PDB file of all heavy atoms in Angstrom:
ATOM      1  N   SER A   1       7.282  12.766  25.142  1.00  0.00           N
ATOM      2  CA  SER A   1       6.421  11.999  26.049  1.00  0.00           C
ATOM      3  C   SER A   1       5.927  10.730  25.364  1.00  0.00           C
ATOM      4  O   SER A   1       5.906  10.641  24.135  1.00  0.00           O
ATOM      5  CB  SER A   1       5.228  12.842  26.506  1.00  0.00           C
ATOM      6  OG  SER A   1       4.342  13.077  25.421  1.00  0.00           O
ATOM      7  N   LYS A   2       5.537   9.742  26.171  1.00  0.00           N
ATOM      8  CA  LYS A   2       5.056   8.476  25.612  1.00  0.00           C
ATOM      9  C   LYS A   2       3.775   8.676  24.811  1.00  0.00           C
ATOM     10  O   LYS A   2       3.587   8.037  23.769  1.00  0.00           O
ATOM     11  CB  LYS A   2       4.825   7.469  26.735  1.00  0.00           C
ATOM     12  CG  LYS A   2       6.062   7.139  27.552  1.00  0.00           C
ATOM     13  CD  LYS A   2       7.182   6.604  26.679  1.00  0.00           C
ATOM     14  CE  LYS A   2       8.414   6.254  27.506  1.00  0.00           C
ATOM     15  NZ  LYS A   2       9.543   5.825  26.652  1.00  0.00           N
ATOM     16  N   ALA A   3       2.897   9.559  25.279  1.00  0.00           N
ATOM     17  CA  ALA A   3       1.639   9.799  24.567  1.00  0.00           C
ATOM     18  C   ALA A   3       1.896  10.454  23.207  1.00  0.00           C
ATOM     19  O   ALA A   3       1.321  10.046  22.188  1.00  0.00           O
ATOM     20  CB  ALA A   3       0.714  10.676  25.406  1.00  0.00           C
ATOM     21  N   SER A   4       2.771  11.476  23.183  1.00  0.00           N
ATOM     22  CA  SER A   4       3.058  12.151  21.910  1.00  0.00           C
ATOM     23  C   SER A   4       3.756  11.215  20.931  1.00  0.00           C
ATOM     24  O   SER A   4       3.485  11.255  19.723  1.00  0.00           O
ATOM     25  CB  SER A   4       3.909  13.392  22.160  1.00  0.00           C
ATOM     26  OG  SER A   4       5.158  13.045  22.736  1.00  0.00           O
ATOM     27  N   THR A   5       4.644  10.355  21.439  1.00  0.00           N
ATOM     28  CA  THR A   5       5.300   9.365  20.579  1.00  0.00           C
ATOM     29  C   THR A   5       4.278   8.401  19.997  1.00  0.00           C
ATOM     30  O   THR A   5       4.316   8.063  18.810  1.00  0.00           O
ATOM     31  CB  THR A   5       6.365   8.586  21.369  1.00  0.00           C
ATOM     32  OG1 THR A   5       7.360   9.493  21.845  1.00  0.00           O
ATOM     33  CG2 THR A   5       7.019   7.526  20.503  1.00  0.00           C
ATOM     34  N   TYR A   6       3.339   7.972  20.838  1.00  0.00           N
ATOM     35  CA  TYR A   6       2.288   7.052  20.376  1.00  0.00           C
ATOM     36  C   TYR A   6       1.467   7.695  19.270  1.00  0.00           C
ATOM     37  O   TYR A   6       1.210   7.070  18.229  1.00  0.00           O
ATOM     38  CB  TYR A   6       1.399   6.665  21.557  1.00  0.00           C
ATOM     39  CG  TYR A   6       0.153   5.914  21.154  1.00  0.00           C
ATOM     40  CD1 TYR A   6       0.180   4.534  20.960  1.00  0.00           C
ATOM     41  CD2 TYR A   6      -1.051   6.576  20.944  1.00  0.00           C
ATOM     42  CE1 TYR A   6      -0.956   3.842  20.572  1.00  0.00           C
ATOM     43  CE2 TYR A   6      -2.188   5.889  20.554  1.00  0.00           C
ATOM     44  CZ  TYR A   6      -2.137   4.523  20.377  1.00  0.00           C
ATOM     45  OH  TYR A   6      -3.268   3.852  19.991  1.00  0.00           O
ATOM     46  N   TRP A   7       1.034   8.947  19.475  1.00  0.00           N
ATOM     47  CA  TRP A   7       0.226   9.625  18.459  1.00  0.00           C
ATOM     48  C   TRP A   7       1.016   9.836  17.170  1.00  0.00           C
ATOM     49  O   TRP A   7       0.460   9.754  16.075  1.00  0.00           O
ATOM     50  CB  TRP A   7      -0.287  10.960  19.006  1.00  0.00           C
ATOM     51  CG  TRP A   7      -1.472  10.808  19.902  1.00  0.00           C
ATOM     52  CD1 TRP A   7      -2.541   9.973  19.717  1.00  0.00           C
ATOM     53  CD2 TRP A   7      -1.713  11.494  21.127  1.00  0.00           C
ATOM     54  NE1 TRP A   7      -3.445  10.100  20.745  1.00  0.00           N
ATOM     55  CE2 TRP A   7      -2.971  11.029  21.630  1.00  0.00           C
ATOM     56  CE3 TRP A   7      -1.023  12.459  21.857  1.00  0.00           C
ATOM     57  CZ2 TRP A   7      -3.520  11.501  22.812  1.00  0.00           C
ATOM     58  CZ3 TRP A   7      -1.565  12.942  23.051  1.00  0.00           C
ATOM     59  CH2 TRP A   7      -2.805  12.463  23.515  1.00  0.00           C
ATOM     60  N   LEU A   8       2.303  10.116  17.298  1.00  0.00           N
ATOM     61  CA  LEU A   8       3.146  10.292  16.118  1.00  0.00           C
ATOM     62  C   LEU A   8       3.215   9.001  15.307  1.00  0.00           C
ATOM     63  O   LEU A   8       3.045   9.019  14.082  1.00  0.00           O
ATOM     64  CB  LEU A   8       4.553  10.728  16.556  1.00  0.00           C
ATOM     65  CG  LEU A   8       5.603  10.846  15.449  1.00  0.00           C
ATOM     66  CD1 LEU A   8       5.238  11.972  14.485  1.00  0.00           C
ATOM     67  CD2 LEU A   8       6.984  11.086  16.049  1.00  0.00           C
ATOM     68  N   VAL A   9       3.461   7.890  15.982  1.00  0.00           N
ATOM     69  CA  VAL A   9       3.534   6.592  15.295  1.00  0.00           C
ATOM     70  C   VAL A   9       2.174   6.238  14.686  1.00  0.00           C
ATOM     71  O   VAL A   9       2.105   5.723  13.561  1.00  0.00           O
ATOM     72  CB  VAL A   9       4.002   5.498  16.270  1.00  0.00           C
ATOM     73  CG1 VAL A   9       3.915   4.117  15.624  1.00  0.00           C
ATOM     74  CG2 VAL A   9       5.434   5.766  16.726  1.00  0.00           C
ATOM     75  N   LEU A  10       1.102   6.509  15.412  1.00  0.00           N
ATOM     76  CA  LEU A  10      -0.242   6.225  14.894  1.00  0.00           C
ATOM     77  C   LEU A  10      -0.508   7.030  13.623  1.00  0.00           C
ATOM     78  O   LEU A  10      -1.019   6.487  12.628  1.00  0.00           O
ATOM     79  CB  LEU A  10      -1.290   6.548  15.956  1.00  0.00           C
ATOM     80  CG  LEU A  10      -2.758   6.382  15.522  1.00  0.00           C
ATOM     81  CD1 LEU A  10      -3.052   4.928  15.163  1.00  0.00           C
ATOM     82  CD2 LEU A  10      -3.710   6.866  16.629  1.00  0.00           C
ATOM     83  N   ALA A  11      -0.152   8.316  13.637  1.00  0.00           N
ATOM     84  CA  ALA A  11      -0.368   9.157  12.454  1.00  0.00           C
ATOM     85  C   ALA A  11       0.433   8.642  11.266  1.00  0.00           C
ATOM     86  O   ALA A  11      -0.072   8.569  10.135  1.00  0.00           O
ATOM     87  CB  ALA A  11       0.022  10.602  12.765  1.00  0.00           C
ATOM     88  N   ALA A  12       1.691   8.255  11.506  1.00  0.00           N
ATOM     89  CA  ALA A  12       2.523   7.716  10.430  1.00  0.00           C
ATOM     90  C   ALA A  12       1.957   6.399   9.920  1.00  0.00           C
ATOM     91  O   ALA A  12       1.960   6.142   8.700  1.00  0.00           O
ATOM     92  CB  ALA A  12       3.960   7.521  10.929  1.00  0.00           C
ATOM     93  N   GLY A  13       1.468   5.558  10.820  1.00  0.00           N
ATOM     94  CA  GLY A  13       0.883   4.282  10.419  1.00  0.00           C
ATOM     95  C   GLY A  13      -0.371   4.463   9.583  1.00  0.00           C
ATOM     96  O   GLY A  13      -0.559   3.770   8.569  1.00  0.00           O
ATOM     97  N   VAL A  14      -1.236   5.393   9.990  1.00  0.00           N
ATOM     98  CA  VAL A  14      -2.457   5.655   9.226  1.00  0.00           C
ATOM     99  C   VAL A  14      -2.112   6.190   7.837  1.00  0.00           C
ATOM    100  O   VAL A  14      -2.704   5.782   6.828  1.00  0.00           O
ATOM    101  CB  VAL A  14      -3.356   6.652   9.988  1.00  0.00           C
ATOM    102  CG1 VAL A  14      -4.509   7.127   9.108  1.00  0.00           C
ATOM    103  CG2 VAL A  14      -3.898   6.009  11.263  1.00  0.00           C
ATOM    104  N   LEU A  15      -1.131   7.092   7.776  1.00  0.00           N
ATOM    105  CA  LEU A  15      -0.722   7.647   6.481  1.00  0.00           C
ATOM    106  C   LEU A  15      -0.160   6.554   5.576  1.00  0.00           C
ATOM    107  O   LEU A  15      -0.502   6.488   4.380  1.00  0.00           O
ATOM    108  CB  LEU A  15       0.327   8.737   6.700  1.00  0.00           C
ATOM    109  CG  LEU A  15       0.863   9.421   5.439  1.00  0.00           C
ATOM    110  CD1 LEU A  15      -0.270  10.088   4.660  1.00  0.00           C
ATOM    111  CD2 LEU A  15       1.937  10.443   5.793  1.00  0.00           C
ATOM    112  N   ALA A  16       0.686   5.672   6.126  1.00  0.00           N
ATOM    113  CA  ALA A  16       1.240   4.572   5.333  1.00  0.00           C
ATOM    114  C   ALA A  16       0.132   3.655   4.834  1.00  0.00           C
ATOM    115  O   ALA A  16       0.136   3.224   3.670  1.00  0.00           O
ATOM    116  CB  ALA A  16       2.250   3.783   6.170  1.00  0.00           C
ATOM    117  N   TYR A  17      -0.833   3.355   5.701  1.00  0.00           N
ATOM    118  CA  TYR A  17      -1.955   2.485   5.328  1.00  0.00           C
ATOM    119  C   TYR A  17      -2.759   3.111   4.188  1.00  0.00           C
ATOM    120  O   TYR A  17      -3.106   2.424   3.211  1.00  0.00           O
ATOM    121  CB  TYR A  17      -2.833   2.250   6.552  1.00  0.00           C
ATOM    122  CG  TYR A  17      -3.991   1.309   6.322  1.00  0.00           C
ATOM    123  CD1 TYR A  17      -3.874  -0.043   6.626  1.00  0.00           C
ATOM    124  CD2 TYR A  17      -5.211   1.774   5.816  1.00  0.00           C
ATOM    125  CE1 TYR A  17      -4.934  -0.913   6.417  1.00  0.00           C
ATOM    126  CE2 TYR A  17      -6.269   0.909   5.598  1.00  0.00           C
ATOM    127  CZ  TYR A  17      -6.133  -0.427   5.909  1.00  0.00           C
ATOM    128  OH  TYR A  17      -7.181  -1.288   5.705  1.00  0.00           O
ATOM    129  N   VAL A  18      -3.049   4.402   4.287  1.00  0.00           N
ATOM    130  CA  VAL A  18      -3.857   5.078   3.269  1.00  0.00           C
ATOM    131  C   VAL A  18      -3.108   5.127   1.934  1.00  0.00           C
ATOM    132  O   VAL A  18      -3.699   4.906   0.866  1.00  0.00           O
ATOM    133  CB  VAL A  18      -4.221   6.499   3.742  1.00  0.00           C
ATOM    134  CG1 VAL A  18      -4.858   7.301   2.605  1.00  0.00           C
ATOM    135  CG2 VAL A  18      -5.174   6.433   4.930  1.00  0.00           C
ATOM    136  N   ILE A  19      -1.798   5.402   1.983  1.00  0.00           N
ATOM    137  CA  ILE A  19      -1.001   5.441   0.758  1.00  0.00           C
ATOM    138  C   ILE A  19      -1.019   4.076   0.062  1.00  0.00           C
ATOM    139  O   ILE A  19      -1.237   3.974  -1.151  1.00  0.00           O
ATOM    140  CB  ILE A  19       0.445   5.875   1.063  1.00  0.00           C
ATOM    141  CG1 ILE A  19       0.484   7.348   1.455  1.00  0.00           C
ATOM    142  CG2 ILE A  19       1.354   5.625  -0.141  1.00  0.00           C
ATOM    143  CD1 ILE A  19       1.837   7.818   1.943  1.00  0.00           C
ATOM    144  N   VAL A  20      -0.793   3.028   0.835  1.00  0.00           N
ATOM    145  CA  VAL A  20      -0.778   1.676   0.264  1.00  0.00           C
ATOM    146  C   VAL A  20      -2.154   1.300  -0.275  1.00  0.00           C
ATOM    147  O   VAL A  20      -2.275   0.720  -1.364  1.00  0.00           O
ATOM    148  CB  VAL A  20      -0.297   0.653   1.318  1.00  0.00           C
ATOM    149  CG1 VAL A  20      -0.487  -0.772   0.806  1.00  0.00           C
ATOM    150  CG2 VAL A  20       1.162   0.889   1.658  1.00  0.00           C
ATOM    151  N   ALA A  21      -3.205   1.624   0.476  1.00  0.00           N
ATOM    152  CA  ALA A  21      -4.565   1.299   0.034  1.00  0.00           C
ATOM    153  C   ALA A  21      -4.890   1.962  -1.296  1.00  0.00           C
ATOM    154  O   ALA A  21      -5.468   1.336  -2.197  1.00  0.00           O
ATOM    155  CB  ALA A  21      -5.569   1.724   1.104  1.00  0.00           C
ATOM    156  N   ASN A  22      -4.528   3.239  -1.446  1.00  0.00           N
ATOM    157  CA  ASN A  22      -4.792   3.939  -2.706  1.00  0.00           C
ATOM    158  C   ASN A  22      -3.926   3.405  -3.839  1.00  0.00           C
ATOM    159  O   ASN A  22      -4.382   3.347  -4.993  1.00  0.00           O
ATOM    160  CB  ASN A  22      -4.559   5.440  -2.522  1.00  0.00           C
ATOM    161  CG  ASN A  22      -5.706   6.123  -1.799  1.00  0.00           C
ATOM    162  OD1 ASN A  22      -6.730   6.449  -2.387  1.00  0.00           O
ATOM    163  ND2 ASN A  22      -5.558   6.314  -0.502  1.00  0.00           N
ATOM    164  N   LEU A  23      -2.696   3.011  -3.518  1.00  0.00           N
ATOM    165  CA  LEU A  23      -1.819   2.485  -4.562  1.00  0.00           C
ATOM    166  C   LEU A  23      -2.343   1.162  -5.120  1.00  0.00           C
ATOM    167  O   LEU A  23      -2.411   0.973  -6.340  1.00  0.00           O
ATOM    168  CB  LEU A  23      -0.402   2.303  -4.011  1.00  0.00           C
ATOM    169  CG  LEU A  23       0.598   1.695  -5.004  1.00  0.00           C
ATOM    170  CD1 LEU A  23       0.882   2.668  -6.148  1.00  0.00           C
ATOM    171  CD2 LEU A  23       1.897   1.308  -4.315  1.00  0.00           C
ATOM    172  N   VAL A  24      -2.707   0.230  -4.233  1.00  0.00           N
ATOM    173  CA  VAL A  24      -3.108  -1.099  -4.710  1.00  0.00           C
ATOM    174  C   VAL A  24      -4.467  -1.059  -5.408  1.00  0.00           C
ATOM    175  O   VAL A  24      -4.795  -1.980  -6.164  1.00  0.00           O
ATOM    176  CB  VAL A  24      -3.131  -2.122  -3.553  1.00  0.00           C
ATOM    177  CG1 VAL A  24      -1.764  -2.258  -2.933  1.00  0.00           C
ATOM    178  CG2 VAL A  24      -4.159  -1.748  -2.492  1.00  0.00           C
ATOM    179  N   ARG A  25      -5.255  -0.010  -5.171  1.00  0.00           N
ATOM    180  CA  ARG A  25      -6.535   0.115  -5.863  1.00  0.00           C
ATOM    181  C   ARG A  25      -6.416   0.909  -7.159  1.00  0.00           C
ATOM    182  O   ARG A  25      -7.403   1.068  -7.889  1.00  0.00           O
ATOM    183  CB  ARG A  25      -7.558   0.790  -4.944  1.00  0.00           C
ATOM    184  CG  ARG A  25      -7.980  -0.098  -3.767  1.00  0.00           C
ATOM    185  CD  ARG A  25      -8.732   0.695  -2.731  1.00  0.00           C
ATOM    186  NE  ARG A  25      -9.085  -0.152  -1.587  1.00  0.00           N
ATOM    187  CZ  ARG A  25      -9.391   0.322  -0.382  1.00  0.00           C
ATOM    188  NH1 ARG A  25      -9.414   1.629  -0.168  1.00  0.00           N
ATOM    189  NH2 ARG A  25      -9.691  -0.503   0.599  1.00  0.00           N
ATOM    190  N   SER A  26      -5.211   1.412  -7.419  1.00  0.00           N
ATOM    191  CA  SER A  26      -4.989   2.175  -8.648  1.00  0.00           C
ATOM    192  C   SER A  26      -4.694   1.234  -9.810  1.00  0.00           C
ATOM    193  O   SER A  26      -4.633   0.013  -9.654  1.00  0.00           O
ATOM    194  CB  SER A  26      -3.823   3.150  -8.454  1.00  0.00           C
ATOM    195  OG  SER A  26      -2.609   2.423  -8.296  1.00  0.00           O
ATOM    196  N   ARG A  27      -4.458   1.814 -10.972  1.00  0.00           N
ATOM    197  CA  ARG A  27      -4.184   1.011 -12.168  1.00  0.00           C
ATOM    198  C   ARG A  27      -2.889   0.217 -12.012  1.00  0.00           C
ATOM    199  O   ARG A  27      -2.842  -0.969 -12.346  1.00  0.00           O
ATOM    200  CB  ARG A  27      -4.096   1.940 -13.373  1.00  0.00           C
ATOM    201  CG  ARG A  27      -3.887   1.210 -14.692  1.00  0.00           C
ATOM    202  CD  ARG A  27      -3.926   2.177 -15.857  1.00  0.00           C
ATOM    203  NE  ARG A  27      -3.739   1.492 -17.127  1.00  0.00           N
ATOM    204  CZ  ARG A  27      -3.758   2.093 -18.299  1.00  0.00           C
ATOM    205  NH1 ARG A  27      -3.958   3.405 -18.365  1.00  0.00           N
ATOM    206  NH2 ARG A  27      -3.592   1.391 -19.408  1.00  0.00           N
ATOM    207  N   ILE A  28      -1.843   0.865 -11.488  1.00  0.00           N
ATOM    208  CA  ILE A  28      -0.570   0.161 -11.333  1.00  0.00           C
ATOM    209  C   ILE A  28      -0.666  -0.900 -10.242  1.00  0.00           C
ATOM    210  O   ILE A  28       0.009  -1.931 -10.298  1.00  0.00           O
ATOM    211  CB  ILE A  28       0.576   1.158 -11.034  1.00  0.00           C
ATOM    212  CG1 ILE A  28       1.928   0.459 -11.194  1.00  0.00           C
ATOM    213  CG2 ILE A  28       0.450   1.752  -9.630  1.00  0.00           C
ATOM    214  CD1 ILE A  28       3.098   1.410 -11.174  1.00  0.00           C
ATOM    215  N   GLY A  29      -1.533  -0.668  -9.251  1.00  0.00           N
ATOM    216  CA  GLY A  29      -1.746  -1.680  -8.222  1.00  0.00           C
ATOM    217  C   GLY A  29      -2.408  -2.922  -8.778  1.00  0.00           C
ATOM    218  O   GLY A  29      -2.017  -4.057  -8.456  1.00  0.00           O
ATOM    219  N   ARG A  30      -3.402  -2.722  -9.631  1.00  0.00           N
ATOM    220  CA  ARG A  30      -4.054  -3.872 -10.269  1.00  0.00           C
ATOM    221  C   ARG A  30      -3.087  -4.604 -11.185  1.00  0.00           C
ATOM    222  O   ARG A  30      -3.133  -5.832 -11.315  1.00  0.00           O
ATOM    223  CB  ARG A  30      -5.292  -3.403 -11.038  1.00  0.00           C
ATOM    224  CG  ARG A  30      -6.407  -2.873 -10.136  1.00  0.00           C
ATOM    225  CD  ARG A  30      -7.699  -2.680 -10.913  1.00  0.00           C
ATOM    226  NE  ARG A  30      -7.578  -1.634 -11.920  1.00  0.00           N
ATOM    227  CZ  ARG A  30      -7.823  -0.353 -11.715  1.00  0.00           C
ATOM    228  NH1 ARG A  30      -8.214   0.043 -10.517  1.00  0.00           N
ATOM    229  NH2 ARG A  30      -7.700   0.545 -12.685  1.00  0.00           N
ATOM    230  N   ALA A  31      -2.180  -3.845 -11.801  1.00  0.00           N
ATOM    231  CA  ALA A  31      -1.166  -4.480 -12.653  1.00  0.00           C
ATOM    232  C   ALA A  31      -0.224  -5.336 -11.822  1.00  0.00           C
ATOM    233  O   ALA A  31       0.173  -6.434 -12.232  1.00  0.00           O
ATOM    234  CB  ALA A  31      -0.376  -3.400 -13.400  1.00  0.00           C
ATOM    235  N   ALA A  32       0.139  -4.850 -10.641  1.00  0.00           N
ATOM    236  CA  ALA A  32       1.030  -5.617  -9.760  1.00  0.00           C
ATOM    237  C   ALA A  32       0.366  -6.908  -9.298  1.00  0.00           C
ATOM    238  O   ALA A  32       1.011  -7.959  -9.222  1.00  0.00           O
ATOM    239  CB  ALA A  32       1.426  -4.767  -8.556  1.00  0.00           C
ATOM    240  N   ILE A  33      -0.924  -6.829  -8.991  1.00  0.00           N
ATOM    241  CA  ILE A  33      -1.650  -8.032  -8.570  1.00  0.00           C
ATOM    242  C   ILE A  33      -1.738  -9.031  -9.712  1.00  0.00           C
ATOM    243  O   ILE A  33      -1.597 -10.245  -9.517  1.00  0.00           O
ATOM    244  CB  ILE A  33      -3.048  -7.645  -8.042  1.00  0.00           C
ATOM    245  CG1 ILE A  33      -2.909  -6.820  -6.755  1.00  0.00           C
ATOM    246  CG2 ILE A  33      -3.900  -8.890  -7.787  1.00  0.00           C
ATOM    247  CD1 ILE A  33      -4.194  -6.216  -6.256  1.00  0.00           C
ATOM    248  N   ALA A  34      -1.947  -8.525 -10.931  1.00  0.00           N
ATOM    249  CA  ALA A  34      -1.955  -9.411 -12.103  1.00  0.00           C
ATOM    250  C   ALA A  34      -0.594 -10.070 -12.287  1.00  0.00           C
ATOM    251  O   ALA A  34      -0.501 -11.259 -12.626  1.00  0.00           O
ATOM    252  CB  ALA A  34      -2.326  -8.612 -13.355  1.00  0.00           C
ATOM    253  N   LEU A  35       0.452  -9.322 -12.037  1.00  0.00           N
ATOM    254  CA  LEU A  35       1.807  -9.862 -12.121  1.00  0.00           C
ATOM    255  C   LEU A  35       2.021 -10.962 -11.083  1.00  0.00           C
ATOM    256  O   LEU A  35       2.628 -11.998 -11.376  1.00  0.00           O
ATOM    257  CB  LEU A  35       2.808  -8.728 -11.904  1.00  0.00           C
ATOM    258  CG  LEU A  35       4.261  -9.094 -11.623  1.00  0.00           C
ATOM    259  CD1 LEU A  35       4.850  -9.814 -12.828  1.00  0.00           C
ATOM    260  CD2 LEU A  35       5.063  -7.852 -11.295  1.00  0.00           C
ATOM    261  N   ARG A  36       1.500 -10.736  -9.883  1.00  0.00           N
ATOM    262  CA  ARG A  36       1.629 -11.753  -8.829  1.00  0.00           C
ATOM    263  C   ARG A  36       0.915 -13.043  -9.210  1.00  0.00           C
ATOM    264  O   ARG A  36       1.426 -14.142  -8.982  1.00  0.00           O
ATOM    265  CB  ARG A  36       1.036 -11.200  -7.523  1.00  0.00           C
ATOM    266  CG  ARG A  36       1.055 -12.167  -6.350  1.00  0.00           C
ATOM    267  CD  ARG A  36       0.175 -11.659  -5.227  1.00  0.00           C
ATOM    268  NE  ARG A  36      -1.232 -11.648  -5.623  1.00  0.00           N
ATOM    269  CZ  ARG A  36      -2.207 -11.076  -4.908  1.00  0.00           C
ATOM    270  NH1 ARG A  36      -1.915 -10.440  -3.779  1.00  0.00           N
ATOM    271  NH2 ARG A  36      -3.460 -11.124  -5.317  1.00  0.00           N
ATOM    272  N   GLU A  37      -0.240 -12.919  -9.831  1.00  0.00           N
ATOM    273  CA  GLU A  37      -1.030 -14.101 -10.164  1.00  0.00           C
ATOM    274  C   GLU A  37      -0.435 -14.881 -11.333  1.00  0.00           C
ATOM    275  O   GLU A  37      -0.401 -16.113 -11.310  1.00  0.00           O
ATOM    276  CB  GLU A  37      -2.476 -13.687 -10.488  1.00  0.00           C
ATOM    277  CG  GLU A  37      -3.213 -13.029  -9.323  1.00  0.00           C
ATOM    278  CD  GLU A  37      -3.320 -13.934  -8.122  1.00  0.00           C
ATOM    279  OE1 GLU A  37      -3.462 -15.159  -8.303  1.00  0.00           O
ATOM    280  OE2 GLU A  37      -3.236 -13.424  -6.987  1.00  0.00           O
ATOM    281  N   ASN A  38       0.033 -14.176 -12.357  1.00  0.00           N
ATOM    282  CA  ASN A  38       0.579 -14.860 -13.535  1.00  0.00           C
ATOM    283  C   ASN A  38       1.463 -13.876 -14.296  1.00  0.00           C
ATOM    284  O   ASN A  38       0.964 -13.048 -15.063  1.00  0.00           O
ATOM    285  CB  ASN A  38      -0.545 -15.381 -14.432  1.00  0.00           C
ATOM    286  CG  ASN A  38      -0.037 -16.346 -15.492  1.00  0.00           C
ATOM    287  OD1 ASN A  38       1.016 -16.153 -16.065  1.00  0.00           O
ATOM    288  ND2 ASN A  38      -0.811 -17.400 -15.745  1.00  0.00           N
ATOM    289  N   GLU A  39       2.775 -13.977 -14.084  1.00  0.00           N
ATOM    290  CA  GLU A  39       3.693 -13.020 -14.703  1.00  0.00           C
ATOM    291  C   GLU A  39       3.706 -13.137 -16.221  1.00  0.00           C
ATOM    292  O   GLU A  39       3.753 -12.124 -16.932  1.00  0.00           O
ATOM    293  CB  GLU A  39       5.106 -13.222 -14.144  1.00  0.00           C
ATOM    294  CG  GLU A  39       6.108 -12.211 -14.674  1.00  0.00           C
ATOM    295  CD  GLU A  39       7.463 -12.336 -14.011  1.00  0.00           C
ATOM    296  OE1 GLU A  39       7.537 -12.949 -12.930  1.00  0.00           O
ATOM    297  OE2 GLU A  39       8.442 -11.813 -14.576  1.00  0.00           O
ATOM    298  N   VAL A  40       3.659 -14.362 -16.734  1.00  0.00           N
ATOM    299  CA  VAL A  40       3.688 -14.560 -18.182  1.00  0.00           C
ATOM    300  C   VAL A  40       2.466 -13.925 -18.833  1.00  0.00           C
ATOM    301  O   VAL A  40       2.566 -13.230 -19.858  1.00  0.00           O
ATOM    302  CB  VAL A  40       3.769 -16.062 -18.518  1.00  0.00           C
ATOM    303  CG1 VAL A  40       3.673 -16.276 -20.028  1.00  0.00           C
ATOM    304  CG2 VAL A  40       5.057 -16.662 -17.962  1.00  0.00           C
ATOM    305  N   LEU A  41       1.288 -14.146 -18.234  1.00  0.00           N
ATOM    306  CA  LEU A  41       0.065 -13.563 -18.778  1.00  0.00           C
ATOM    307  C   LEU A  41       0.093 -12.042 -18.675  1.00  0.00           C
ATOM    308  O   LEU A  41      -0.345 -11.335 -19.582  1.00  0.00           O
ATOM    309  CB  LEU A  41      -1.151 -14.121 -18.022  1.00  0.00           C
ATOM    310  CG  LEU A  41      -2.520 -13.619 -18.478  1.00  0.00           C
ATOM    311  CD1 LEU A  41      -2.750 -13.942 -19.947  1.00  0.00           C
ATOM    312  CD2 LEU A  41      -3.621 -14.232 -17.612  1.00  0.00           C
ATOM    313  N   ALA A  42       0.642 -11.526 -17.560  1.00  0.00           N
ATOM    314  CA  ALA A  42       0.728 -10.076 -17.384  1.00  0.00           C
ATOM    315  C   ALA A  42       1.602  -9.452 -18.469  1.00  0.00           C
ATOM    316  O   ALA A  42       1.260  -8.404 -19.036  1.00  0.00           O
ATOM    317  CB  ALA A  42       1.289  -9.755 -16.001  1.00  0.00           C
ATOM    318  N   LYS A  43       2.713 -10.098 -18.786  1.00  0.00           N
ATOM    319  CA  LYS A  43       3.570  -9.594 -19.867  1.00  0.00           C
ATOM    320  C   LYS A  43       2.868  -9.651 -21.210  1.00  0.00           C
ATOM    321  O   LYS A  43       3.003  -8.747 -22.041  1.00  0.00           O
ATOM    322  CB  LYS A  43       4.856 -10.425 -19.931  1.00  0.00           C
ATOM    323  CG  LYS A  43       5.852 -10.144 -18.811  1.00  0.00           C
ATOM    324  CD  LYS A  43       7.101 -10.992 -18.996  1.00  0.00           C
ATOM    325  CE  LYS A  43       8.137 -10.692 -17.934  1.00  0.00           C
ATOM    326  NZ  LYS A  43       9.366 -11.527 -18.093  1.00  0.00           N
ATOM    327  N   SER A  44       2.082 -10.700 -21.421  1.00  0.00           N
ATOM    328  CA  SER A  44       1.440 -10.890 -22.725  1.00  0.00           C
ATOM    329  C   SER A  44       0.374  -9.844 -23.018  1.00  0.00           C
ATOM    330  O   SER A  44       0.078  -9.567 -24.185  1.00  0.00           O
ATOM    331  CB  SER A  44       0.817 -12.293 -22.800  1.00  0.00           C
ATOM    332  OG  SER A  44      -0.294 -12.402 -21.924  1.00  0.00           O
TER     333      SER A  44
END
């Protein structure tokens, strides 16, 4: 049904959002942001 499909997509979207949010706030997420800002400095 259209309603069940909608809820399924919403649940998957919320899960993806939460996973990404926790990743970028983690240590490796902060490292990735540092890499985006200045790769040479991040390597150093």
